[in-house]
Amino acid sequence: MNGRKEHTERTANSRSLHKVSISRIKKEMHDVSYLSDDMVITSLDAQNNTTSAYSVTIDGFAVIIMMQGEATVSIDMETYVVRPNMVVFFNPDSVIRTVKSSPDAMAYCLAFSKSFVNEIQIDISTSLPIYMRFGKDPVLKVTEQDVSEIRQLFRLVKTMLQSDKERYRHEIIRTLFTAVFYIITEINLREQKGERKQGRCEVIFEEFMNLLEQYNKRERNVGFYARQLGITPKYLSSVVKEVSGKTAARWIDESVILEAKTLLKYSGLSIQEIAYELNFSTQSFFGKYFKQHTGTSPSRYKRRG
């Protein structure tokens, strides 16, 4: 009987979990500005919040800035009380539910797809502290000045989403988004002062990422990085997976692809020269590798600019 009851509860929970795409957000929310199916900015209040009716998981990333009131939010089964001057981050596939909120609760929400993030040119060493922080604690306390600065950039993004300047709209919005990212990175570094010392696994992961930034143009093998750290490839892979949720091999691939995209977009080098720069034996091998991880060819990505 207990087994049957547990199965029934799991089935009920899975049915009550709704997967929300950027496309769905832009269709269902009011006061929405959007960039195709890649980014949307909207406002949330106590009456306009679907996560109060059921749990959701977002097919992408989201950032919420609490402006007034109070909300109790469950994120991956952990409960957080969110008040003004707090920023909340949601990773893809995080399970989110608003447990309760005050009648005057209001927040701004910026949601963006994984593909949009992949287009942002931010080096791994800069993004690493943010990735590690928000995988463990998605709520960041900020000052009124921080909120004002982020909110102004949100307004600029919203303005450009509605602008008639179509030719460079994507580039302008990406630049503004990058500015928001660096402001949040600065806030995170400020908040890290006085925090406890990292554990052994976190230290290994950070050293791996530093090595990856240094050698990703010529080394794509987990064994190489493990040897540099004096540990086995299996142990490195298990540590990286435990700390970040992604395998070492996936981090390597993502780092190489980021370098490739930067070179294709900004270097002026030919595809053959880029393949050589990234230590691929042939242009053909580079092309297959790039398409496998991005879904498009290097030449098409380069033409798209």
Protein backbone atom coordinates (compact mmCIF):
# COMPACT_ATOMS: atom_id res chain seq x y z
CA MET A 1 0.00 0.00 0.00
CA ASN A 2 2.78 2.46 0.86
CA GLY A 3 4.49 1.82 -2.47
CA ARG A 4 1.23 2.48 -4.30
CA LYS A 5 0.71 5.70 -2.32
CA GLU A 6 4.22 6.96 -3.09
CA HIS A 7 3.74 6.18 -6.78
CA THR A 8 0.44 8.10 -6.78
CA GLU A 9 2.09 11.11 -5.11
CA ARG A 10 4.97 11.12 -7.60
CA THR A 11 2.52 10.93 -10.50
CA ALA A 12 0.48 13.80 -9.08
CA ASN A 13 3.61 15.92 -8.63
CA SER A 14 4.77 15.26 -12.20
CA ARG A 15 1.34 16.24 -13.52
CA SER A 16 1.38 19.49 -11.54
CA LEU A 17 4.82 20.47 -12.88
CA HIS A 18 4.56 22.71 -15.94
CA LYS A 19 7.50 23.37 -18.28
CA VAL A 20 7.53 27.01 -19.37
CA SER A 21 9.36 28.21 -22.49
CA ILE A 22 10.35 31.78 -23.35
CA SER A 23 7.77 31.61 -26.14
CA ARG A 24 5.02 30.71 -23.66
CA ILE A 25 6.00 33.52 -21.27
CA LYS A 26 5.78 36.15 -24.00
CA LYS A 27 2.34 34.86 -25.05
CA GLU A 28 0.74 34.49 -21.61
CA MET A 29 2.12 37.40 -19.56
CA HIS A 30 1.00 41.02 -19.80
CA ASP A 31 3.36 44.00 -20.13
CA VAL A 32 5.82 41.91 -22.15
CA SER A 33 8.76 42.97 -24.31
CA TYR A 34 10.67 40.26 -26.13
CA LEU A 35 13.44 39.37 -28.59
CA SER A 36 12.09 36.52 -30.72
CA ASP A 37 11.98 33.39 -28.51
CA ASP A 38 15.33 34.21 -26.90
CA MET A 39 14.56 36.88 -24.30
CA VAL A 40 11.56 38.38 -22.54
CA ILE A 41 11.13 41.11 -19.93
CA THR A 42 7.90 41.25 -17.94
CA SER A 43 6.53 42.22 -14.55
CA LEU A 44 5.14 39.88 -11.91
CA ASP A 45 2.67 40.62 -9.15
CA ALA A 46 0.52 38.68 -6.70
CA GLN A 47 -2.31 38.42 -9.25
CA ASN A 48 -0.10 37.78 -12.30
CA ASN A 49 2.08 34.83 -11.28
CA THR A 50 1.39 31.34 -12.60
CA THR A 51 3.87 29.74 -10.16
CA SER A 52 1.40 30.39 -7.34
CA ALA A 53 -1.01 27.91 -8.98
CA TYR A 54 1.48 25.13 -9.75
CA SER A 55 5.20 24.35 -9.88
CA VAL A 56 7.05 25.31 -13.04
CA THR A 57 10.43 24.69 -14.62
CA ILE A 58 11.77 27.24 -17.10
CA ASP A 59 13.32 26.13 -20.37
CA GLY A 60 16.10 28.68 -19.97
CA PHE A 61 17.45 31.10 -17.37
CA ALA A 62 15.60 33.80 -15.42
CA VAL A 63 16.45 36.71 -13.13
CA ILE A 64 13.90 38.33 -10.84
CA ILE A 65 14.38 41.63 -9.01
CA MET A 66 11.96 42.08 -6.10
CA MET A 67 10.68 45.66 -6.03
CA GLN A 68 8.05 45.64 -3.27
CA GLY A 69 6.17 43.32 -0.95
CA GLU A 70 7.33 39.85 0.04
CA ALA A 71 7.16 36.35 -1.42
CA THR A 72 8.05 32.90 -0.14
CA VAL A 73 9.47 30.89 -3.02
CA SER A 74 10.43 27.22 -3.26
CA ILE A 75 13.38 26.53 -5.58
CA ASP A 76 14.38 22.88 -5.96
CA MET A 77 12.66 22.04 -2.65
CA GLU A 78 14.50 24.79 -0.73
CA THR A 79 12.42 27.68 0.63
CA TYR A 80 13.49 31.34 0.37
CA VAL A 81 11.82 34.52 1.60
CA VAL A 82 12.30 37.21 -1.04
CA ARG A 83 12.03 40.91 -0.21
CA PRO A 84 12.96 44.20 -1.92
CA ASN A 85 16.67 44.60 -2.72
CA MET A 86 16.97 40.90 -3.48
CA VAL A 87 17.78 39.30 -6.84
CA VAL A 88 16.74 35.70 -7.53
CA PHE A 89 18.31 33.48 -10.20
CA PHE A 90 16.72 30.44 -11.80
CA ASN A 91 18.77 27.91 -13.75
CA PRO A 92 17.27 25.77 -16.53
CA ASP A 93 15.11 22.98 -15.13
CA SER A 94 14.98 24.44 -11.60
CA VAL A 95 11.60 23.57 -10.05
CA ILE A 96 9.95 26.80 -8.90
CA ARG A 97 6.82 27.40 -6.83
CA THR A 98 5.53 30.54 -5.13
CA VAL A 99 4.34 29.32 -1.74
CA LYS A 100 2.78 32.63 -0.74
CA SER A 101 3.10 36.35 -1.42
CA SER A 102 1.85 39.60 0.02
CA PRO A 103 -0.96 41.40 -1.87
CA ASP A 104 1.44 44.20 -2.87
CA ALA A 105 4.24 41.89 -4.10
CA MET A 106 5.79 43.08 -7.38
CA ALA A 107 8.95 42.10 -9.27
CA TYR A 108 10.62 42.48 -12.63
CA CYS A 109 11.55 39.33 -14.52
CA LEU A 110 14.11 38.83 -17.28
CA ALA A 111 14.05 35.36 -18.88
CA PHE A 112 16.38 34.20 -21.63
CA SER A 113 17.10 31.02 -23.57
CA LYS A 114 20.21 28.85 -23.41
CA SER A 115 21.02 29.74 -27.02
CA PHE A 116 20.97 33.46 -26.16
CA VAL A 117 23.48 32.86 -23.34
CA ASN A 118 25.72 30.96 -25.75
CA GLU A 119 25.90 34.05 -27.94
CA ILE A 120 27.20 36.26 -25.12
CA GLN A 121 30.98 36.70 -25.23
CA ILE A 122 31.94 36.30 -21.55
CA ASP A 123 35.10 34.40 -20.66
CA ILE A 124 34.86 31.32 -18.45
CA SER A 125 37.00 32.70 -15.62
CA THR A 126 34.57 35.60 -15.20
CA SER A 127 31.42 33.51 -15.34
CA LEU A 128 32.73 30.76 -13.06
CA PRO A 129 32.11 32.48 -9.67
CA ILE A 130 28.55 33.33 -10.70
CA TYR A 131 27.86 29.81 -11.93
CA MET A 132 29.18 28.27 -8.72
CA ARG A 133 27.38 30.76 -6.46
CA PHE A 134 23.89 30.50 -7.91
CA GLY A 135 24.00 26.74 -8.19
CA LYS A 136 24.11 26.72 -4.38
CA ASP A 137 22.33 29.92 -3.31
CA PRO A 138 20.01 31.51 -5.89
CA VAL A 139 19.17 34.60 -3.80
CA LEU A 140 21.51 37.59 -3.73
CA LYS A 141 21.04 40.57 -1.41
CA VAL A 142 21.81 43.90 -3.05
CA THR A 143 21.70 47.62 -2.23
CA GLU A 144 19.17 50.18 -3.45
CA GLN A 145 21.88 51.57 -5.74
CA ASP A 146 22.46 48.09 -7.19
CA VAL A 147 18.75 47.73 -7.90
CA SER A 148 18.65 51.19 -9.49
CA GLU A 149 21.56 50.37 -11.81
CA ILE A 150 20.18 46.97 -12.85
CA ARG A 151 16.71 48.40 -13.31
CA GLN A 152 18.04 51.17 -15.58
CA LEU A 153 19.73 48.56 -17.76
CA PHE A 154 16.51 46.52 -17.82
CA ARG A 155 14.71 49.66 -19.03
CA LEU A 156 17.31 50.17 -21.76
CA VAL A 157 16.91 46.55 -22.86
CA LYS A 158 13.13 47.02 -22.93
CA THR A 159 13.53 50.24 -24.93
CA MET A 160 15.71 48.52 -27.50
CA LEU A 161 13.32 45.58 -27.75
CA GLN A 162 10.66 48.07 -28.84
CA SER A 163 13.00 50.20 -30.97
CA ASP A 164 12.88 50.56 -34.76
CA LYS A 165 16.67 50.10 -34.93
CA GLU A 166 16.43 46.58 -36.27
CA ARG A 167 19.82 46.18 -37.99
CA TYR A 168 21.92 46.10 -34.79
CA ARG A 169 19.20 45.42 -32.24
CA HIS A 170 20.57 42.00 -31.27
CA GLU A 171 24.09 43.36 -30.78
CA ILE A 172 22.89 46.29 -28.68
CA ILE A 173 20.78 44.04 -26.46
CA ARG A 174 23.62 41.54 -26.04
CA THR A 175 25.90 44.40 -24.96
CA LEU A 176 23.35 45.63 -22.40
CA PHE A 177 22.84 42.08 -21.15
CA THR A 178 26.61 41.70 -20.75
CA ALA A 179 26.65 44.91 -18.70
CA VAL A 180 23.99 43.47 -16.37
CA PHE A 181 26.06 40.29 -16.02
CA TYR A 182 29.20 42.22 -15.03
CA ILE A 183 27.29 44.31 -12.48
CA ILE A 184 25.96 41.13 -10.87
CA THR A 185 29.45 39.63 -10.97
CA GLU A 186 30.80 42.68 -9.14
CA ILE A 187 28.04 42.42 -6.52
CA ASN A 188 28.79 38.73 -6.05
CA LEU A 189 32.51 39.40 -5.53
CA ARG A 190 31.61 42.02 -2.94
CA GLU A 191 29.34 39.58 -1.11
CA GLN A 192 32.00 36.84 -1.14
CA LYS A 193 34.30 38.76 1.21
CA GLY A 194 34.48 37.01 4.55
CA GLU A 195 32.83 33.80 3.31
CA ARG A 196 34.21 30.45 4.46
CA LYS A 197 37.16 28.86 2.74
CA GLN A 198 36.43 26.64 -0.25
CA GLY A 199 36.38 22.89 0.18
CA ARG A 200 38.75 20.52 -1.60
CA CYS A 201 36.33 19.79 -4.45
CA GLU A 202 35.68 23.49 -5.11
CA VAL A 203 39.43 24.17 -5.18
CA ILE A 204 40.01 21.37 -7.73
CA PHE A 205 37.13 22.64 -9.87
CA GLU A 206 38.45 26.21 -9.85
CA GLU A 207 41.97 25.00 -10.73
CA PHE A 208 40.49 22.93 -13.57
CA MET A 209 38.67 25.98 -14.92
CA ASN A 210 41.82 28.09 -14.72
CA LEU A 211 43.72 25.42 -16.67
CA LEU A 212 40.88 25.22 -19.17
CA GLU A 213 41.08 28.94 -19.84
CA GLN A 214 44.84 28.61 -20.37
CA TYR A 215 44.92 25.47 -22.56
CA ASN A 216 41.52 25.19 -24.26
CA LYS A 217 42.92 26.25 -27.62
CA ARG A 218 45.07 23.15 -27.85
CA GLU A 219 43.88 20.53 -25.32
CA ARG A 220 40.49 18.83 -25.44
CA ASN A 221 41.24 15.68 -23.45
CA VAL A 222 40.16 15.24 -19.81
CA GLY A 223 43.33 13.22 -19.18
CA PHE A 224 45.54 16.22 -19.92
CA TYR A 225 43.84 18.37 -17.26
CA ALA A 226 43.87 15.52 -14.76
CA ARG A 227 47.64 15.11 -15.20
CA GLN A 228 48.17 18.83 -14.66
CA LEU A 229 46.27 18.54 -11.38
CA GLY A 230 48.00 15.31 -10.31
CA ILE A 231 44.77 13.31 -10.11
CA THR A 232 43.09 10.62 -12.21
CA PRO A 233 40.68 11.52 -15.04
CA LYS A 234 37.94 9.57 -13.27
CA TYR A 235 38.38 11.55 -10.05
CA LEU A 236 38.50 14.86 -11.91
CA SER A 237 35.30 13.99 -13.76
CA SER A 238 33.49 13.02 -10.55
CA VAL A 239 34.60 16.21 -8.76
CA VAL A 240 33.61 18.49 -11.64
CA LYS A 241 30.22 16.78 -11.95
CA GLU A 242 29.61 17.04 -8.19
CA VAL A 243 30.50 20.74 -7.99
CA SER A 244 28.99 22.05 -11.21
CA GLY A 245 26.44 19.49 -12.38
CA LYS A 246 28.28 19.21 -15.72
CA THR A 247 31.02 16.81 -16.73
CA ALA A 248 34.62 17.88 -17.32
CA ALA A 249 34.27 16.85 -20.97
CA ARG A 250 31.24 19.10 -21.38
CA TRP A 251 33.08 22.06 -19.82
CA ILE A 252 35.96 21.46 -22.25
CA ASP A 253 33.61 21.33 -25.24
CA GLU A 254 31.76 24.49 -24.16
CA SER A 255 35.05 26.33 -23.67
CA VAL A 256 36.34 25.32 -27.11
CA ILE A 257 33.07 26.31 -28.77
CA LEU A 258 33.14 29.70 -27.02
CA GLU A 259 36.67 30.29 -28.34
CA ALA A 260 35.59 29.17 -31.81
CA LYS A 261 32.58 31.50 -31.85
CA THR A 262 34.73 34.44 -30.75
CA LEU A 263 37.30 33.77 -33.46
CA LEU A 264 34.65 33.26 -36.14
CA LYS A 265 32.88 36.44 -35.21
CA TYR A 266 35.68 38.85 -34.41
CA SER A 267 39.13 37.64 -35.54
CA GLY A 268 38.91 38.01 -39.31
CA LEU A 269 40.70 34.67 -39.66
CA SER A 270 39.60 32.11 -42.24
CA ILE A 271 37.90 28.94 -41.03
CA GLN A 272 41.01 26.96 -41.92
CA GLU A 273 43.16 29.35 -39.86
CA ILE A 274 40.74 29.07 -36.93
CA ALA A 275 40.84 25.28 -37.13
CA TYR A 276 44.66 25.50 -36.92
CA GLU A 277 44.46 28.02 -34.06
CA LEU A 278 42.29 25.59 -32.08
CA ASN A 279 44.57 22.63 -32.80
CA PHE A 280 42.20 20.65 -35.03
CA SER A 281 43.96 18.34 -37.46
CA THR A 282 41.81 19.45 -40.41
CA GLN A 283 39.21 22.08 -41.26
CA SER A 284 36.75 19.26 -41.90
CA PHE A 285 37.22 17.85 -38.39
CA PHE A 286 36.73 21.30 -36.90
CA GLY A 287 33.56 21.78 -38.95
CA LYS A 288 32.07 18.49 -37.76
CA TYR A 289 32.96 19.26 -34.14
CA PHE A 290 31.45 22.77 -34.33
CA LYS A 291 28.23 21.59 -35.97
CA GLN A 292 27.85 18.72 -33.50
CA HIS A 293 27.85 21.19 -30.59
CA THR A 294 26.02 24.16 -32.13
CA GLY A 295 23.75 22.70 -34.80
CA THR A 296 25.23 24.95 -37.48
CA SER A 297 28.38 25.02 -39.58
CA PRO A 298 31.32 27.39 -38.94
CA SER A 299 30.78 29.06 -42.31
CA ARG A 300 27.10 29.73 -41.63
CA TYR A 301 27.87 31.05 -38.15
CA LYS A 302 30.58 33.31 -39.59
CA ARG A 303 28.24 34.69 -42.30
CA ARG A 304 25.55 35.35 -39.72
CA GLY A 305 28.05 37.60 -37.94
